[in-house]
Amino acid sequence: MPTEVFVEGMEDGHPFEKRVTVSMKEAFKEELLHFADCVSTGREPDTGAAEARGDVALLHRIFGAIKRPLEG
């Protein structure tokens, strides 16, 4: 499936929305191929452990913010 990005904004005082196809490759498959290459060659991944921890922390904050209103 193509990877699409939806862009919203204002132009000359009018809202717009554009759909942009950024890749025809499947993102998760590409991540797995990159990881496999790093493991087999010893190359450093594009995203390091510190960035991964930051991503996980952000997801925890997002899920926590979603969960709180439902509990109240």
N, C-alpha and C. Protein backbone atom coordinates (compact mmCIF):
# COMPACT_ATOMS: atom_id res chain seq x y z
N MET A 1 0.85 -1.18 0.00
CA MET A 1 0.00 0.00 0.00
C MET A 1 0.89 1.24 0.00
N PRO A 2 0.47 2.25 -0.71
CA PRO A 2 1.25 3.49 -0.68
C PRO A 2 1.15 4.17 0.68
N THR A 3 2.23 4.85 1.05
CA THR A 3 2.23 5.63 2.28
C THR A 3 1.76 7.02 1.92
N GLU A 4 0.65 7.43 2.51
CA GLU A 4 0.07 8.74 2.21
C GLU A 4 0.13 9.64 3.43
N VAL A 5 0.28 10.92 3.17
CA VAL A 5 0.27 11.94 4.21
C VAL A 5 -0.82 12.94 3.84
N PHE A 6 -1.64 13.31 4.81
CA PHE A 6 -2.66 14.32 4.58
C PHE A 6 -2.15 15.64 5.14
N VAL A 7 -2.15 16.66 4.29
CA VAL A 7 -1.66 17.98 4.67
C VAL A 7 -2.85 18.94 4.69
N GLU A 8 -3.02 19.61 5.82
CA GLU A 8 -4.08 20.60 5.96
C GLU A 8 -3.46 21.96 6.22
N GLY A 9 -4.09 23.00 5.72
CA GLY A 9 -3.56 24.33 5.95
C GLY A 9 -4.50 25.39 5.44
N MET A 10 -3.99 26.62 5.41
CA MET A 10 -4.74 27.77 4.89
C MET A 10 -3.93 28.39 3.76
N GLU A 11 -4.63 28.78 2.71
CA GLU A 11 -3.98 29.44 1.59
C GLU A 11 -4.91 30.54 1.09
N ASP A 12 -4.43 31.76 1.11
CA ASP A 12 -5.24 32.92 0.72
C ASP A 12 -6.56 32.98 1.48
N GLY A 13 -6.51 32.62 2.77
CA GLY A 13 -7.69 32.69 3.63
C GLY A 13 -8.66 31.53 3.48
N HIS A 14 -8.29 30.51 2.71
CA HIS A 14 -9.18 29.37 2.49
C HIS A 14 -8.49 28.08 2.96
N PRO A 15 -9.23 27.26 3.68
CA PRO A 15 -8.63 26.00 4.13
C PRO A 15 -8.42 25.05 2.96
N PHE A 16 -7.40 24.21 3.07
CA PHE A 16 -7.20 23.20 2.04
C PHE A 16 -6.72 21.91 2.69
N GLU A 17 -6.90 20.82 1.96
CA GLU A 17 -6.40 19.53 2.37
C GLU A 17 -5.84 18.85 1.13
N LYS A 18 -4.62 18.36 1.25
CA LYS A 18 -3.97 17.65 0.15
C LYS A 18 -3.56 16.27 0.63
N ARG A 19 -3.66 15.31 -0.26
CA ARG A 19 -3.17 13.97 0.00
C ARG A 19 -1.90 13.79 -0.82
N VAL A 20 -0.79 13.49 -0.13
CA VAL A 20 0.50 13.35 -0.79
C VAL A 20 0.98 11.92 -0.61
N THR A 21 1.33 11.25 -1.70
CA THR A 21 1.90 9.91 -1.62
C THR A 21 3.41 10.06 -1.49
N VAL A 22 3.93 9.66 -0.34
CA VAL A 22 5.36 9.85 -0.07
C VAL A 22 6.18 8.61 -0.42
N SER A 23 5.52 7.46 -0.53
CA SER A 23 6.25 6.25 -0.88
C SER A 23 5.26 5.17 -1.31
N MET A 24 5.70 4.33 -2.20
CA MET A 24 4.88 3.18 -2.59
C MET A 24 5.32 1.94 -1.82
N LYS A 25 6.34 2.08 -0.98
CA LYS A 25 6.83 0.96 -0.19
C LYS A 25 6.07 0.88 1.12
N GLU A 26 5.92 -0.32 1.65
CA GLU A 26 5.21 -0.52 2.91
C GLU A 26 6.18 -0.21 4.05
N ALA A 27 5.80 0.73 4.90
CA ALA A 27 6.70 1.28 5.91
C ALA A 27 7.23 0.22 6.88
N PHE A 28 6.36 -0.64 7.43
CA PHE A 28 6.81 -1.61 8.42
C PHE A 28 7.79 -2.59 7.80
N LYS A 29 7.52 -3.02 6.57
CA LYS A 29 8.43 -3.94 5.89
C LYS A 29 9.80 -3.28 5.70
N GLU A 30 9.81 -2.00 5.33
CA GLU A 30 11.07 -1.28 5.15
C GLU A 30 11.84 -1.17 6.47
N GLU A 31 11.14 -0.97 7.57
CA GLU A 31 11.79 -0.92 8.88
C GLU A 31 12.43 -2.26 9.22
N LEU A 32 11.70 -3.35 8.95
CA LEU A 32 12.25 -4.68 9.22
C LEU A 32 13.47 -4.98 8.36
N LEU A 33 13.43 -4.58 7.09
CA LEU A 33 14.58 -4.78 6.21
C LEU A 33 15.79 -3.99 6.71
N HIS A 34 15.55 -2.77 7.15
CA HIS A 34 16.64 -1.94 7.69
C HIS A 34 17.22 -2.59 8.94
N PHE A 35 16.35 -3.06 9.84
CA PHE A 35 16.81 -3.71 11.06
C PHE A 35 17.64 -4.96 10.74
N ALA A 36 17.16 -5.77 9.80
CA ALA A 36 17.88 -6.97 9.41
C ALA A 36 19.25 -6.62 8.85
N ASP A 37 19.33 -5.56 8.06
CA ASP A 37 20.61 -5.11 7.52
C ASP A 37 21.55 -4.69 8.65
N CYS A 38 21.04 -3.97 9.63
CA CYS A 38 21.86 -3.54 10.76
C CYS A 38 22.39 -4.74 11.54
N VAL A 39 21.53 -5.73 11.76
CA VAL A 39 21.95 -6.92 12.51
C VAL A 39 23.02 -7.68 11.73
N SER A 40 22.82 -7.84 10.42
CA SER A 40 23.77 -8.66 9.65
C SER A 40 25.08 -7.94 9.35
N THR A 41 25.08 -6.62 9.30
CA THR A 41 26.30 -5.88 8.95
C THR A 41 26.94 -5.18 10.14
N GLY A 42 26.23 -5.09 11.27
CA GLY A 42 26.75 -4.38 12.43
C GLY A 42 26.60 -2.87 12.32
N ARG A 43 25.89 -2.42 11.32
CA ARG A 43 25.65 -0.99 11.11
C ARG A 43 24.73 -0.42 12.18
N GLU A 44 24.93 0.84 12.54
CA GLU A 44 24.06 1.50 13.51
C GLU A 44 22.70 1.80 12.85
N PRO A 45 21.60 1.56 13.56
CA PRO A 45 20.28 1.89 13.01
C PRO A 45 20.11 3.40 12.85
N ASP A 46 19.23 3.78 11.94
CA ASP A 46 18.94 5.21 11.73
C ASP A 46 18.39 5.85 12.99
N THR A 47 17.61 5.09 13.75
CA THR A 47 17.05 5.57 15.01
C THR A 47 17.70 4.79 16.15
N GLY A 48 18.35 5.49 17.05
CA GLY A 48 19.05 4.84 18.15
C GLY A 48 18.15 4.53 19.33
N ALA A 49 18.74 3.91 20.34
CA ALA A 49 17.99 3.50 21.53
C ALA A 49 17.40 4.70 22.27
N ALA A 50 18.13 5.80 22.36
CA ALA A 50 17.63 6.98 23.08
C ALA A 50 16.38 7.54 22.40
N GLU A 51 16.40 7.59 21.07
CA GLU A 51 15.22 8.07 20.35
C GLU A 51 14.04 7.11 20.51
N ALA A 52 14.33 5.82 20.50
CA ALA A 52 13.27 4.82 20.68
C ALA A 52 12.62 4.98 22.06
N ARG A 53 13.45 5.17 23.10
CA ARG A 53 12.91 5.38 24.46
C ARG A 53 12.04 6.63 24.49
N GLY A 54 12.47 7.68 23.81
CA GLY A 54 11.66 8.90 23.74
C GLY A 54 10.33 8.67 23.06
N ASP A 55 10.33 7.86 22.00
CA ASP A 55 9.08 7.53 21.29
C ASP A 55 8.13 6.77 22.21
N VAL A 56 8.67 5.81 22.94
CA VAL A 56 7.85 5.01 23.85
C VAL A 56 7.28 5.89 24.97
N ALA A 57 8.10 6.79 25.51
CA ALA A 57 7.63 7.70 26.57
C ALA A 57 6.51 8.59 26.04
N LEU A 58 6.65 9.08 24.82
CA LEU A 58 5.61 9.91 24.22
C LEU A 58 4.31 9.11 24.06
N LEU A 59 4.41 7.88 23.59
CA LEU A 59 3.22 7.04 23.45
C LEU A 59 2.54 6.82 24.80
N HIS A 60 3.32 6.60 25.86
CA HIS A 60 2.74 6.43 27.19
C HIS A 60 1.99 7.69 27.62
N ARG A 61 2.55 8.87 27.34
CA ARG A 61 1.87 10.12 27.70
C ARG A 61 0.57 10.28 26.90
N ILE A 62 0.63 9.93 25.60
CA ILE A 62 -0.58 10.04 24.76
C ILE A 62 -1.67 9.11 25.28
N PHE A 63 -1.30 7.84 25.52
CA PHE A 63 -2.30 6.88 26.00
C PHE A 63 -2.83 7.27 27.36
N GLY A 64 -1.98 7.81 28.23
CA GLY A 64 -2.42 8.28 29.53
C GLY A 64 -3.41 9.42 29.42
N ALA A 65 -3.17 10.33 28.48
CA ALA A 65 -4.08 11.47 28.28
C ALA A 65 -5.42 11.01 27.71
N ILE A 66 -5.40 9.98 26.89
CA ILE A 66 -6.65 9.45 26.32
C ILE A 66 -7.42 8.70 27.39
N LYS A 67 -6.74 7.95 28.22
CA LYS A 67 -7.38 7.10 29.22
C LYS A 67 -8.03 7.92 30.34
N ARG A 68 -7.40 9.01 30.77
CA ARG A 68 -7.92 9.79 31.90
C ARG A 68 -9.35 10.27 31.69
N PRO A 69 -9.70 10.90 30.58
CA PRO A 69 -11.10 11.37 30.44
C PRO A 69 -12.11 10.22 30.45
N LEU A 70 -11.73 9.04 29.98
CA LEU A 70 -12.65 7.91 29.96
C LEU A 70 -12.91 7.38 31.36
N GLU A 71 -11.95 7.52 32.25
CA GLU A 71 -12.11 7.02 33.62
C GLU A 71 -12.94 7.97 34.48
N GLY A 72 -12.96 9.24 34.13
CA GLY A 72 -13.63 10.25 34.96
C GLY A 72 -15.05 10.31 34.76
